[in-house]
Each structure stands twice: as C-alpha cells, then as structure tokens.
Amino acid sequence: MTETASRRERAAGTEAALKQAAREVFAARGYLNTKITDITAAAGRATGSFYNHFAGKEELLEALLKDMLAAADQRVLDISGHDDDFSKRSAIRWHVAMFWQFYQDHLPEMIAVKQASMLDPELGRRLQTIMADDDAHMVGHLDRLPNPPADPAAVITAINALTEGFAYTWLVVNPANGQTIDSEVAIDLLTDLLHHGLAGSADR
C-alpha cells in the first residue's frame, strides 16, 4: 500500500469513527446537547481531526442523513416485494412498513434532524432538500392511481408529512408519556389512511 493510499484509508477510518460516535452520542445526549468534543471523545480522535472532515456538527448531520438515505435505497433494491403501483393497498403498505422500520432504526438521527431544523431554519431547508431529492423517484408511484394528481410532488410532501409526523408522535413523543403503539397497527393505520386518500376505499 502506498503512503497516499494509507493516508486515505486512515482518513476514511476517522470519518467513519466520527459518524458512528455521533450516532451514539446523539442517542445518549440528544443533538442539541451534543458538542463536537463529545463526538471526538467518543470516537477516540483528537478534536482537531473533526475539522478535517466536517465544518461543524451541522455538516456531520447532513452527511449522516445522506448515508442513511443511500443505505435505505440500497435496501429497497435488495429486498423483494417492491411494487410501485400506489393504486394497490399492498404496494402502499410495503412502503409504509419500510419507512416505519427506517424511522425506528435511525431514531436518534431522525430526532436530530427535527431538532436541528427547528434550531436553524437554513439547515432545515438543506436537510429537507436532501430528503426531497431522495423522494423524486416516488412521483412515478402515483401514475396508476384512478385519478393521478396534477401535482404529484405536492402529494408526496403530504404523504411525508403524515408518515413522519405520525412516526415522531408515536416513536418519540408518546413513549415519553408511557404510550406506545404496535408497529403492525401503526403500519396498517397509515396504510389505510393513505390508500383511502390516494385510491379511494376500494381495495385493488
């Protein structure tokens, strides 16, 4: 291995360690209470090394979100059963279940995204842009509805607002008050609301 390749490998290892540490510290302390020194300490790296990879905590969160979405996209490709026809309840339910699992798997990061967006509206717009770019493929899922929407992008934002808001309420807010919901119940409830709203009450 050349010296240049070795440096790249060490740099990649440091970046990965910082990202993993951020996930762990966000889970333990919350995004708002996390300092860069908390992340570097958890990663076992010098504080100065952080700035070789990220301009600040905000840029690190953006990188985490991109990684999460890329991994989720790959998982969709790897798992059978993907159907892009949203006139079918089964297709909607498959997507809702994937989203619910994604939200559960990345709960600290999703909370961080919400907190960061409330604290810094400009950062919030950048994070929303990252998620909107990832949602672009969803527009085609509406083509075979009985009455395809004139503005599918707006419909996608409405779907996202419903599913994300519901997930945040039942996976973050309500558990703090001792209230929980079974995942299958949650997925079916969201599925029925979306299917009725998008395709009408008839199951196709």
N, C-alpha and C. Protein backbone atom coordinates (compact mmCIF):
# COMPACT_ATOMS: atom_id res chain seq x y z
N MET A 1 0.84 -1.18 0.00
CA MET A 1 0.00 0.00 0.00
C MET A 1 0.89 1.25 0.00
N THR A 2 0.59 2.20 -0.89
CA THR A 2 1.37 3.42 -0.95
C THR A 2 1.04 4.31 0.22
N GLU A 3 1.93 5.30 0.47
CA GLU A 3 1.68 6.22 1.57
C GLU A 3 0.39 7.02 1.36
N THR A 4 0.12 7.40 0.10
CA THR A 4 -1.11 8.15 -0.20
C THR A 4 -2.34 7.30 0.08
N ALA A 5 -2.30 6.03 -0.35
CA ALA A 5 -3.43 5.14 -0.10
C ALA A 5 -3.62 4.91 1.39
N SER A 6 -2.52 4.82 2.12
CA SER A 6 -2.60 4.63 3.57
C SER A 6 -3.23 5.83 4.25
N ARG A 7 -2.89 7.04 3.79
CA ARG A 7 -3.49 8.24 4.36
C ARG A 7 -4.99 8.29 4.08
N ARG A 8 -5.36 7.90 2.86
CA ARG A 8 -6.79 7.88 2.52
C ARG A 8 -7.55 6.89 3.39
N GLU A 9 -6.93 5.74 3.63
CA GLU A 9 -7.58 4.72 4.46
C GLU A 9 -7.74 5.22 5.89
N ARG A 10 -6.71 5.87 6.43
CA ARG A 10 -6.81 6.41 7.79
C ARG A 10 -7.87 7.50 7.87
N ALA A 11 -7.92 8.35 6.84
CA ALA A 11 -8.91 9.42 6.81
C ALA A 11 -10.33 8.85 6.76
N ALA A 12 -10.51 7.82 5.93
CA ALA A 12 -11.83 7.18 5.84
C ALA A 12 -12.20 6.54 7.17
N GLY A 13 -11.22 5.95 7.84
CA GLY A 13 -11.49 5.34 9.14
C GLY A 13 -11.88 6.36 10.18
N THR A 14 -11.22 7.53 10.15
CA THR A 14 -11.56 8.59 11.10
C THR A 14 -12.95 9.13 10.83
N GLU A 15 -13.29 9.34 9.56
CA GLU A 15 -14.62 9.84 9.22
C GLU A 15 -15.70 8.86 9.67
N ALA A 16 -15.47 7.57 9.42
CA ALA A 16 -16.45 6.56 9.84
C ALA A 16 -16.59 6.53 11.36
N ALA A 17 -15.46 6.67 12.06
CA ALA A 17 -15.49 6.66 13.52
C ALA A 17 -16.25 7.87 14.06
N LEU A 18 -16.08 9.03 13.44
CA LEU A 18 -16.78 10.23 13.88
C LEU A 18 -18.29 10.10 13.65
N LYS A 19 -18.66 9.52 12.51
CA LYS A 19 -20.08 9.34 12.22
C LYS A 19 -20.72 8.38 13.21
N GLN A 20 -20.06 7.25 13.47
CA GLN A 20 -20.60 6.29 14.41
C GLN A 20 -20.69 6.87 15.81
N ALA A 21 -19.68 7.62 16.21
CA ALA A 21 -19.69 8.26 17.52
C ALA A 21 -20.83 9.26 17.62
N ALA A 22 -21.05 10.01 16.54
CA ALA A 22 -22.15 10.99 16.55
C ALA A 22 -23.49 10.29 16.76
N ARG A 23 -23.69 9.17 16.08
CA ARG A 23 -24.94 8.43 16.26
C ARG A 23 -25.13 8.03 17.73
N GLU A 24 -24.06 7.54 18.33
CA GLU A 24 -24.14 7.07 19.71
C GLU A 24 -24.36 8.23 20.68
N VAL A 25 -23.67 9.34 20.46
CA VAL A 25 -23.81 10.48 21.36
C VAL A 25 -25.17 11.14 21.18
N PHE A 26 -25.65 11.24 19.93
CA PHE A 26 -26.99 11.78 19.70
C PHE A 26 -28.03 10.95 20.45
N ALA A 27 -27.86 9.63 20.43
CA ALA A 27 -28.81 8.75 21.12
C ALA A 27 -28.76 8.95 22.62
N ALA A 28 -27.57 9.19 23.16
CA ALA A 28 -27.42 9.31 24.61
C ALA A 28 -27.74 10.71 25.13
N ARG A 29 -27.36 11.74 24.38
CA ARG A 29 -27.47 13.11 24.88
C ARG A 29 -28.47 13.97 24.12
N GLY A 30 -28.82 13.56 22.90
CA GLY A 30 -29.64 14.39 22.04
C GLY A 30 -28.77 15.31 21.22
N TYR A 31 -29.25 15.69 20.05
CA TYR A 31 -28.47 16.53 19.15
C TYR A 31 -28.14 17.88 19.77
N LEU A 32 -29.13 18.52 20.38
CA LEU A 32 -28.92 19.87 20.89
C LEU A 32 -27.89 19.91 22.01
N ASN A 33 -27.79 18.84 22.79
CA ASN A 33 -26.86 18.81 23.92
C ASN A 33 -25.49 18.24 23.56
N THR A 34 -25.33 17.85 22.31
CA THR A 34 -24.07 17.25 21.89
C THR A 34 -23.09 18.32 21.42
N LYS A 35 -21.87 18.25 21.93
CA LYS A 35 -20.79 19.13 21.48
C LYS A 35 -19.83 18.33 20.60
N ILE A 36 -19.09 19.03 19.79
CA ILE A 36 -18.13 18.37 18.93
C ILE A 36 -17.11 17.59 19.76
N THR A 37 -16.74 18.15 20.90
CA THR A 37 -15.79 17.43 21.76
C THR A 37 -16.38 16.14 22.30
N ASP A 38 -17.71 16.08 22.48
CA ASP A 38 -18.35 14.82 22.89
C ASP A 38 -18.17 13.75 21.80
N ILE A 39 -18.32 14.19 20.55
CA ILE A 39 -18.21 13.26 19.43
C ILE A 39 -16.78 12.76 19.28
N THR A 40 -15.82 13.68 19.32
CA THR A 40 -14.43 13.25 19.14
C THR A 40 -13.96 12.38 20.30
N ALA A 41 -14.43 12.69 21.51
CA ALA A 41 -14.05 11.86 22.65
C ALA A 41 -14.60 10.44 22.49
N ALA A 42 -15.87 10.35 22.06
CA ALA A 42 -16.47 9.03 21.87
C ALA A 42 -15.79 8.27 20.73
N ALA A 43 -15.29 9.00 19.75
CA ALA A 43 -14.62 8.37 18.61
C ALA A 43 -13.16 8.05 18.91
N GLY A 44 -12.64 8.59 20.02
CA GLY A 44 -11.23 8.38 20.34
C GLY A 44 -10.31 9.13 19.40
N ARG A 45 -10.76 10.29 18.93
CA ARG A 45 -9.98 11.10 18.00
C ARG A 45 -9.72 12.48 18.60
N ALA A 46 -8.66 13.13 18.14
CA ALA A 46 -8.37 14.49 18.57
C ALA A 46 -9.44 15.43 18.03
N THR A 47 -9.77 16.47 18.79
CA THR A 47 -10.81 17.40 18.37
C THR A 47 -10.48 18.03 17.02
N GLY A 48 -9.21 18.36 16.81
CA GLY A 48 -8.82 18.98 15.55
C GLY A 48 -9.09 18.12 14.34
N SER A 49 -9.09 16.80 14.53
CA SER A 49 -9.31 15.90 13.40
C SER A 49 -10.74 16.03 12.85
N PHE A 50 -11.65 16.45 13.70
CA PHE A 50 -13.04 16.60 13.26
C PHE A 50 -13.12 17.55 12.07
N TYR A 51 -12.38 18.66 12.15
CA TYR A 51 -12.49 19.70 11.14
C TYR A 51 -11.76 19.36 9.85
N ASN A 52 -11.06 18.24 9.83
CA ASN A 52 -10.52 17.74 8.57
C ASN A 52 -11.60 17.09 7.72
N HIS A 53 -12.74 16.81 8.36
CA HIS A 53 -13.82 16.10 7.66
C HIS A 53 -15.12 16.89 7.60
N PHE A 54 -15.40 17.67 8.62
CA PHE A 54 -16.68 18.38 8.69
C PHE A 54 -16.45 19.81 9.19
N ALA A 55 -17.22 20.73 8.62
CA ALA A 55 -17.09 22.12 9.06
C ALA A 55 -17.72 22.33 10.43
N GLY A 56 -18.65 21.47 10.80
CA GLY A 56 -19.31 21.58 12.10
C GLY A 56 -20.29 20.45 12.30
N LYS A 57 -20.99 20.49 13.41
CA LYS A 57 -21.95 19.44 13.74
C LYS A 57 -23.06 19.35 12.69
N GLU A 58 -23.41 20.51 12.11
CA GLU A 58 -24.48 20.55 11.12
C GLU A 58 -24.09 19.77 9.86
N GLU A 59 -22.85 19.97 9.41
CA GLU A 59 -22.40 19.27 8.21
C GLU A 59 -22.31 17.76 8.46
N LEU A 60 -21.93 17.39 9.67
CA LEU A 60 -21.90 15.97 10.03
C LEU A 60 -23.30 15.38 9.96
N LEU A 61 -24.29 16.10 10.45
CA LEU A 61 -25.67 15.60 10.41
C LEU A 61 -26.13 15.44 8.96
N GLU A 62 -25.78 16.38 8.10
CA GLU A 62 -26.13 16.25 6.69
C GLU A 62 -25.50 14.99 6.09
N ALA A 63 -24.24 14.72 6.44
CA ALA A 63 -23.56 13.53 5.93
C ALA A 63 -24.24 12.26 6.43
N LEU A 64 -24.64 12.26 7.70
CA LEU A 64 -25.34 11.10 8.25
C LEU A 64 -26.65 10.85 7.51
N LEU A 65 -27.40 11.93 7.24
CA LEU A 65 -28.68 11.79 6.56
C LEU A 65 -28.48 11.22 5.15
N LYS A 66 -27.47 11.71 4.44
CA LYS A 66 -27.20 11.18 3.10
C LYS A 66 -26.84 9.70 3.16
N ASP A 67 -26.03 9.32 4.14
CA ASP A 67 -25.65 7.91 4.30
C ASP A 67 -26.88 7.05 4.58
N MET A 68 -27.75 7.53 5.48
CA MET A 68 -28.94 6.79 5.84
C MET A 68 -29.84 6.56 4.64
N LEU A 69 -30.06 7.61 3.85
CA LEU A 69 -30.95 7.50 2.70
C LEU A 69 -30.35 6.61 1.63
N ALA A 70 -29.04 6.70 1.43
CA ALA A 70 -28.39 5.83 0.44
C ALA A 70 -28.51 4.37 0.85
N ALA A 71 -28.32 4.09 2.14
CA ALA A 71 -28.45 2.71 2.63
C ALA A 71 -29.88 2.21 2.49
N ALA A 72 -30.84 3.11 2.75
CA ALA A 72 -32.25 2.72 2.63
C ALA A 72 -32.60 2.42 1.17
N ASP A 73 -32.08 3.24 0.25
CA ASP A 73 -32.32 2.99 -1.18
C ASP A 73 -31.75 1.64 -1.60
N GLN A 74 -30.56 1.33 -1.10
CA GLN A 74 -29.95 0.05 -1.45
C GLN A 74 -30.75 -1.10 -0.87
N ARG A 75 -31.28 -0.90 0.32
CA ARG A 75 -32.08 -1.96 0.94
C ARG A 75 -33.33 -2.24 0.11
N VAL A 76 -33.94 -1.19 -0.42
CA VAL A 76 -35.11 -1.37 -1.28
C VAL A 76 -34.75 -2.23 -2.48
N LEU A 77 -33.58 -1.99 -3.05
CA LEU A 77 -33.14 -2.77 -4.21
C LEU A 77 -32.86 -4.22 -3.84
N ASP A 78 -32.41 -4.44 -2.61
CA ASP A 78 -32.02 -5.78 -2.17
C ASP A 78 -33.20 -6.63 -1.71
N ILE A 79 -34.30 -5.99 -1.32
CA ILE A 79 -35.44 -6.72 -0.77
C ILE A 79 -36.51 -6.90 -1.84
N SER A 80 -37.00 -8.13 -1.97
CA SER A 80 -38.06 -8.38 -2.94
C SER A 80 -39.39 -7.85 -2.42
N GLY A 81 -40.32 -7.67 -3.32
CA GLY A 81 -41.66 -7.25 -2.93
C GLY A 81 -41.96 -5.80 -3.24
N HIS A 82 -41.00 -5.08 -3.82
CA HIS A 82 -41.23 -3.68 -4.13
C HIS A 82 -42.18 -3.55 -5.30
N ASP A 83 -43.27 -2.85 -5.09
CA ASP A 83 -44.28 -2.60 -6.12
C ASP A 83 -44.52 -1.10 -6.13
N ASP A 84 -44.41 -0.47 -7.29
CA ASP A 84 -44.54 0.99 -7.35
C ASP A 84 -45.93 1.45 -7.76
N ASP A 85 -46.91 0.55 -7.73
CA ASP A 85 -48.28 0.90 -8.12
C ASP A 85 -49.10 1.27 -6.89
N PHE A 86 -49.22 2.57 -6.63
CA PHE A 86 -49.91 3.02 -5.42
C PHE A 86 -51.43 2.97 -5.53
N SER A 87 -51.96 2.38 -6.61
CA SER A 87 -53.39 2.10 -6.61
C SER A 87 -53.68 0.85 -5.78
N LYS A 88 -52.63 0.09 -5.44
CA LYS A 88 -52.78 -1.13 -4.65
C LYS A 88 -52.45 -0.86 -3.18
N ARG A 89 -53.31 -1.35 -2.29
CA ARG A 89 -53.04 -1.22 -0.86
C ARG A 89 -51.74 -1.92 -0.48
N SER A 90 -51.48 -3.07 -1.07
CA SER A 90 -50.29 -3.83 -0.71
C SER A 90 -49.01 -3.05 -1.03
N ALA A 91 -49.01 -2.31 -2.14
CA ALA A 91 -47.84 -1.52 -2.50
C ALA A 91 -47.62 -0.38 -1.51
N ILE A 92 -48.72 0.27 -1.11
CA ILE A 92 -48.61 1.35 -0.14
C ILE A 92 -48.12 0.80 1.19
N ARG A 93 -48.67 -0.35 1.60
CA ARG A 93 -48.27 -0.91 2.90
C ARG A 93 -46.79 -1.29 2.92
N TRP A 94 -46.29 -1.81 1.81
CA TRP A 94 -44.88 -2.18 1.75
C TRP A 94 -44.01 -0.96 1.98
N HIS A 95 -44.35 0.15 1.36
CA HIS A 95 -43.57 1.38 1.51
C HIS A 95 -43.71 1.95 2.92
N VAL A 96 -44.91 1.90 3.47
CA VAL A 96 -45.10 2.39 4.84
C VAL A 96 -44.28 1.57 5.82
N ALA A 97 -44.29 0.25 5.65
CA ALA A 97 -43.53 -0.62 6.54
C ALA A 97 -42.03 -0.34 6.44
N MET A 98 -41.54 -0.09 5.23
CA MET A 98 -40.13 0.24 5.05
C MET A 98 -39.79 1.55 5.74
N PHE A 99 -40.68 2.54 5.62
CA PHE A 99 -40.45 3.82 6.28
C PHE A 99 -40.45 3.67 7.79
N TRP A 100 -41.42 2.94 8.31
CA TRP A 100 -41.53 2.76 9.76
C TRP A 100 -40.27 2.10 10.32
N GLN A 101 -39.78 1.08 9.62
CA GLN A 101 -38.56 0.40 10.05
C GLN A 101 -37.36 1.34 9.97
N PHE A 102 -37.30 2.13 8.91
CA PHE A 102 -36.22 3.11 8.75
C PHE A 102 -36.23 4.10 9.91
N TYR A 103 -37.40 4.60 10.27
CA TYR A 103 -37.50 5.58 11.34
C TYR A 103 -37.08 4.96 12.68
N GLN A 104 -37.51 3.74 12.92
CA GLN A 104 -37.12 3.06 14.15
C GLN A 104 -35.61 2.82 14.21
N ASP A 105 -35.04 2.40 13.08
CA ASP A 105 -33.61 2.08 13.04
C ASP A 105 -32.73 3.31 13.22
N HIS A 106 -33.25 4.46 12.84
CA HIS A 106 -32.46 5.69 12.86
C HIS A 106 -33.12 6.75 13.75
N LEU A 107 -33.70 6.31 14.84
CA LEU A 107 -34.44 7.23 15.70
C LEU A 107 -33.59 8.41 16.20
N PRO A 108 -32.37 8.19 16.72
CA PRO A 108 -31.58 9.34 17.18
C PRO A 108 -31.31 10.36 16.09
N GLU A 109 -31.01 9.85 14.87
CA GLU A 109 -30.73 10.76 13.76
C GLU A 109 -31.99 11.50 13.31
N MET A 110 -33.13 10.83 13.31
CA MET A 110 -34.37 11.49 12.89
C MET A 110 -34.78 12.56 13.90
N ILE A 111 -34.56 12.28 15.18
CA ILE A 111 -34.81 13.30 16.19
C ILE A 111 -33.85 14.47 15.99
N ALA A 112 -32.60 14.16 15.69
CA ALA A 112 -31.60 15.20 15.45
C ALA A 112 -32.00 16.08 14.27
N VAL A 113 -32.49 15.48 13.20
CA VAL A 113 -32.93 16.25 12.03
C VAL A 113 -34.04 17.22 12.41
N LYS A 114 -35.01 16.75 13.20
CA LYS A 114 -36.11 17.62 13.61
C LYS A 114 -35.60 18.74 14.52
N GLN A 115 -34.78 18.41 15.50
CA GLN A 115 -34.26 19.42 16.41
C GLN A 115 -33.41 20.45 15.67
N ALA A 116 -32.55 19.97 14.80
CA ALA A 116 -31.67 20.87 14.06
C ALA A 116 -32.47 21.80 13.16
N SER A 117 -33.53 21.28 12.55
CA SER A 117 -34.35 22.08 11.65
C SER A 117 -35.08 23.18 12.41
N MET A 118 -35.51 22.89 13.63
CA MET A 118 -36.20 23.89 14.44
C MET A 118 -35.22 24.96 14.91
N LEU A 119 -33.99 24.55 15.21
CA LEU A 119 -32.99 25.49 15.72
C LEU A 119 -32.43 26.38 14.62
N ASP A 120 -32.23 25.81 13.44
CA ASP A 120 -31.59 26.51 12.33
C ASP A 120 -32.41 26.30 11.06
N PRO A 121 -33.31 27.23 10.72
CA PRO A 121 -34.17 27.06 9.54
C PRO A 121 -33.40 26.83 8.24
N GLU A 122 -32.24 27.47 8.09
CA GLU A 122 -31.46 27.29 6.87
C GLU A 122 -30.95 25.85 6.78
N LEU A 123 -30.46 25.33 7.91
CA LEU A 123 -30.05 23.93 7.94
C LEU A 123 -31.25 23.04 7.66
N GLY A 124 -32.39 23.39 8.22
CA GLY A 124 -33.60 22.61 7.99
C GLY A 124 -33.96 22.54 6.51
N ARG A 125 -33.78 23.66 5.80
CA ARG A 125 -34.05 23.65 4.36
C ARG A 125 -33.08 22.74 3.61
N ARG A 126 -31.82 22.76 4.03
CA ARG A 126 -30.85 21.88 3.38
C ARG A 126 -31.18 20.41 3.63
N LEU A 127 -31.56 20.09 4.86
CA LEU A 127 -31.92 18.71 5.18
C LEU A 127 -33.17 18.28 4.41
N GLN A 128 -34.14 19.18 4.30
CA GLN A 128 -35.35 18.86 3.53
C GLN A 128 -35.03 18.66 2.07
N THR A 129 -34.07 19.43 1.54
CA THR A 129 -33.68 19.26 0.14
C THR A 129 -33.06 17.89 -0.09
N ILE A 130 -32.24 17.44 0.86
CA ILE A 130 -31.64 16.11 0.75
C ILE A 130 -32.73 15.05 0.70
N MET A 131 -33.72 15.19 1.57
CA MET A 131 -34.80 14.20 1.61
C MET A 131 -35.69 14.31 0.38
N ALA A 132 -35.91 15.55 -0.10
CA ALA A 132 -36.75 15.74 -1.29
C ALA A 132 -36.09 15.13 -2.52
N ASP A 133 -34.77 15.28 -2.63
CA ASP A 133 -34.05 14.67 -3.75
C ASP A 133 -34.22 13.15 -3.72
N ASP A 134 -34.20 12.57 -2.52
CA ASP A 134 -34.35 11.13 -2.39
C ASP A 134 -35.77 10.69 -2.73
N ASP A 135 -36.74 11.59 -2.57
CA ASP A 135 -38.14 11.25 -2.81
C ASP A 135 -38.54 11.38 -4.28
N ALA A 136 -37.65 11.89 -5.12
CA ALA A 136 -38.02 12.17 -6.50
C ALA A 136 -38.58 10.93 -7.21
N HIS A 137 -38.03 9.75 -6.89
CA HIS A 137 -38.48 8.53 -7.56
C HIS A 137 -39.91 8.16 -7.19
N MET A 138 -40.42 8.72 -6.09
CA MET A 138 -41.76 8.36 -5.63
C MET A 138 -42.86 8.92 -6.52
N VAL A 139 -42.53 9.94 -7.30
CA VAL A 139 -43.55 10.57 -8.15
C VAL A 139 -44.18 9.53 -9.08
N GLY A 140 -43.36 8.65 -9.63
CA GLY A 140 -43.89 7.64 -10.55
C GLY A 140 -44.81 6.64 -9.90
N HIS A 141 -44.77 6.53 -8.58
CA HIS A 141 -45.64 5.59 -7.87
C HIS A 141 -47.11 6.01 -7.93
N LEU A 142 -47.36 7.25 -8.32
CA LEU A 142 -48.74 7.76 -8.34
C LEU A 142 -49.37 7.68 -9.73
N ASP A 143 -48.62 7.23 -10.73
CA ASP A 143 -49.10 7.28 -12.11
C ASP A 143 -50.33 6.41 -12.36
N ARG A 144 -50.43 5.28 -11.63
CA ARG A 144 -51.52 4.34 -11.91
C ARG A 144 -52.69 4.49 -10.94
N LEU A 145 -52.75 5.59 -10.23
CA LEU A 145 -53.92 5.86 -9.40
C LEU A 145 -55.14 6.11 -10.29
N PRO A 146 -56.34 5.84 -9.78
CA PRO A 146 -57.55 6.09 -10.58
C PRO A 146 -57.62 7.53 -11.08
N ASN A 147 -57.17 8.47 -10.25
CA ASN A 147 -57.12 9.87 -10.63
C ASN A 147 -55.75 10.42 -10.27
N PRO A 148 -54.76 10.24 -11.13
CA PRO A 148 -53.41 10.71 -10.82
C PRO A 148 -53.41 12.21 -10.50
N PRO A 149 -52.69 12.62 -9.49
CA PRO A 149 -52.70 14.03 -9.08
C PRO A 149 -52.04 14.92 -10.12
N ALA A 150 -52.55 16.14 -10.23
CA ALA A 150 -51.96 17.11 -11.15
C ALA A 150 -50.59 17.56 -10.67
N ASP A 151 -50.41 17.54 -9.35
CA ASP A 151 -49.13 17.96 -8.77
C ASP A 151 -48.62 16.83 -7.87
N PRO A 152 -48.02 15.79 -8.46
CA PRO A 152 -47.58 14.65 -7.66
C PRO A 152 -46.54 15.01 -6.60
N ALA A 153 -45.69 15.99 -6.88
CA ALA A 153 -44.67 16.37 -5.90
C ALA A 153 -45.33 16.89 -4.62
N ALA A 154 -46.42 17.63 -4.76
CA ALA A 154 -47.14 18.14 -3.59
C ALA A 154 -47.76 16.99 -2.81
N VAL A 155 -48.27 15.98 -3.52
CA VAL A 155 -48.86 14.82 -2.85
C VAL A 155 -47.79 14.06 -2.07
N ILE A 156 -46.61 13.94 -2.64
CA ILE A 156 -45.51 13.26 -1.95
C ILE A 156 -45.16 13.99 -0.66
N THR A 157 -45.15 15.32 -0.69
CA THR A 157 -44.85 16.07 0.54
C THR A 157 -45.94 15.84 1.59
N ALA A 158 -47.19 15.71 1.15
CA ALA A 158 -48.28 15.45 2.08
C ALA A 158 -48.13 14.06 2.71
N ILE A 159 -47.76 13.07 1.90
CA ILE A 159 -47.52 11.72 2.41
C ILE A 159 -46.41 11.74 3.44
N ASN A 160 -45.32 12.44 3.11
CA ASN A 160 -44.19 12.51 4.03
C ASN A 160 -44.57 13.18 5.34
N ALA A 161 -45.36 14.26 5.25
CA ALA A 161 -45.76 14.97 6.46
C ALA A 161 -46.60 14.08 7.37
N LEU A 162 -47.51 13.31 6.77
CA LEU A 162 -48.35 12.40 7.55
C LEU A 162 -47.51 11.30 8.20
N THR A 163 -46.70 10.62 7.41
CA THR A 163 -45.96 9.47 7.94
C THR A 163 -44.90 9.90 8.95
N GLU A 164 -44.17 10.98 8.64
CA GLU A 164 -43.13 11.43 9.55
C GLU A 164 -43.72 11.97 10.84
N GLY A 165 -44.80 12.75 10.73
CA GLY A 165 -45.43 13.29 11.92
C GLY A 165 -46.00 12.20 12.82
N PHE A 166 -46.61 11.19 12.20
CA PHE A 166 -47.17 10.08 12.96
C PHE A 166 -46.06 9.30 13.65
N ALA A 167 -44.97 9.04 12.91
CA ALA A 167 -43.85 8.29 13.48
C ALA A 167 -43.22 9.06 14.64
N TYR A 168 -43.03 10.35 14.47
CA TYR A 168 -42.43 11.15 15.54
C TYR A 168 -43.32 11.14 16.79
N THR A 169 -44.62 11.24 16.59
CA THR A 169 -45.54 11.25 17.73
C THR A 169 -45.50 9.93 18.49
N TRP A 170 -45.52 8.80 17.74
CA TRP A 170 -45.65 7.51 18.41
C TRP A 170 -44.33 6.82 18.73
N LEU A 171 -43.25 7.28 18.15
CA LEU A 171 -41.95 6.68 18.47
C LEU A 171 -41.08 7.58 19.34
N VAL A 172 -41.46 8.85 19.45
CA VAL A 172 -40.66 9.79 20.25
C VAL A 172 -41.48 10.43 21.35
N VAL A 173 -42.56 11.11 20.99
CA VAL A 173 -43.31 11.91 21.96
C VAL A 173 -44.12 11.04 22.92
N ASN A 174 -44.99 10.20 22.39
CA ASN A 174 -45.89 9.43 23.25
C ASN A 174 -45.18 8.42 24.15
N PRO A 175 -44.12 7.73 23.70
CA PRO A 175 -43.43 6.81 24.61
C PRO A 175 -42.90 7.49 25.86
N ALA A 176 -42.56 8.77 25.76
CA ALA A 176 -42.09 9.50 26.94
C ALA A 176 -43.20 9.64 27.98
N ASN A 177 -44.45 9.52 27.53
CA ASN A 177 -45.60 9.58 28.43
C ASN A 177 -46.19 8.20 28.72
N GLY A 178 -45.45 7.16 28.35
CA GLY A 178 -45.89 5.80 28.61
C GLY A 178 -46.87 5.25 27.59
N GLN A 179 -47.06 5.93 26.47
CA GLN A 179 -47.98 5.47 25.44
C GLN A 179 -47.20 4.87 24.28
N THR A 180 -47.61 3.69 23.85
CA THR A 180 -46.95 3.03 22.73
C THR A 180 -47.99 2.52 21.74
N ILE A 181 -47.52 2.15 20.58
CA ILE A 181 -48.39 1.56 19.57
C ILE A 181 -47.66 0.40 18.93
N ASP A 182 -48.38 -0.68 18.68
CA ASP A 182 -47.79 -1.83 18.00
C ASP A 182 -47.42 -1.43 16.57
N SER A 183 -46.27 -1.87 16.12
CA SER A 183 -45.80 -1.47 14.79
C SER A 183 -46.76 -1.88 13.69
N GLU A 184 -47.30 -3.10 13.78
CA GLU A 184 -48.22 -3.55 12.73
C GLU A 184 -49.50 -2.72 12.72
N VAL A 185 -49.97 -2.34 13.91
CA VAL A 185 -51.15 -1.48 14.00
C VAL A 185 -50.86 -0.13 13.37
N ALA A 186 -49.70 0.43 13.69
CA ALA A 186 -49.31 1.73 13.14
C ALA A 186 -49.21 1.68 11.62
N ILE A 187 -48.57 0.63 11.12
CA ILE A 187 -48.38 0.50 9.67
C ILE A 187 -49.73 0.35 8.97
N ASP A 188 -50.63 -0.45 9.53
CA ASP A 188 -51.94 -0.63 8.91
C ASP A 188 -52.76 0.65 8.95
N LEU A 189 -52.68 1.39 10.05
CA LEU A 189 -53.42 2.64 10.16
C LEU A 189 -52.96 3.63 9.10
N LEU A 190 -51.66 3.82 8.99
CA LEU A 190 -51.13 4.72 7.98
C LEU A 190 -51.48 4.24 6.57
N THR A 191 -51.37 2.93 6.36
CA THR A 191 -51.68 2.37 5.04
C THR A 191 -53.12 2.65 4.65
N ASP A 192 -54.05 2.42 5.58
CA ASP A 192 -55.46 2.62 5.26
C ASP A 192 -55.77 4.09 4.97
N LEU A 193 -55.18 4.98 5.75
CA LEU A 193 -55.40 6.41 5.51
C LEU A 193 -54.88 6.82 4.13
N LEU A 194 -53.68 6.36 3.79
CA LEU A 194 -53.09 6.73 2.51
C LEU A 194 -53.83 6.07 1.35
N HIS A 195 -54.18 4.80 1.51
CA HIS A 195 -54.87 4.10 0.43
C HIS A 195 -56.22 4.73 0.15
N HIS A 196 -56.94 5.06 1.21
CA HIS A 196 -58.25 5.70 1.02
C HIS A 196 -58.09 7.05 0.35
N GLY A 197 -57.09 7.80 0.80
CA GLY A 197 -56.89 9.14 0.25
C GLY A 197 -56.39 9.13 -1.18
N LEU A 198 -55.58 8.16 -1.53
CA LEU A 198 -54.98 8.13 -2.85
C LEU A 198 -55.81 7.37 -3.87
N ALA A 199 -56.35 6.22 -3.47
CA ALA A 199 -57.01 5.34 -4.43
C ALA A 199 -58.50 5.17 -4.18
N GLY A 200 -59.03 5.75 -3.12
CA GLY A 200 -60.41 5.53 -2.77
C GLY A 200 -60.54 4.32 -1.88
N SER A 201 -61.73 4.00 -1.46
CA SER A 201 -61.93 2.95 -0.47
C SER A 201 -61.83 1.56 -1.04
N ALA A 202 -61.98 1.41 -2.35
CA ALA A 202 -61.95 0.06 -2.94
C ALA A 202 -60.53 -0.47 -2.95
N ASP A 203 -60.36 -1.68 -2.45
CA ASP A 203 -59.04 -2.33 -2.43
C ASP A 203 -58.78 -2.94 -3.81
N ARG A 204 -57.68 -2.54 -4.43
CA ARG A 204 -57.38 -3.03 -5.77
C ARG A 204 -56.11 -3.84 -5.75
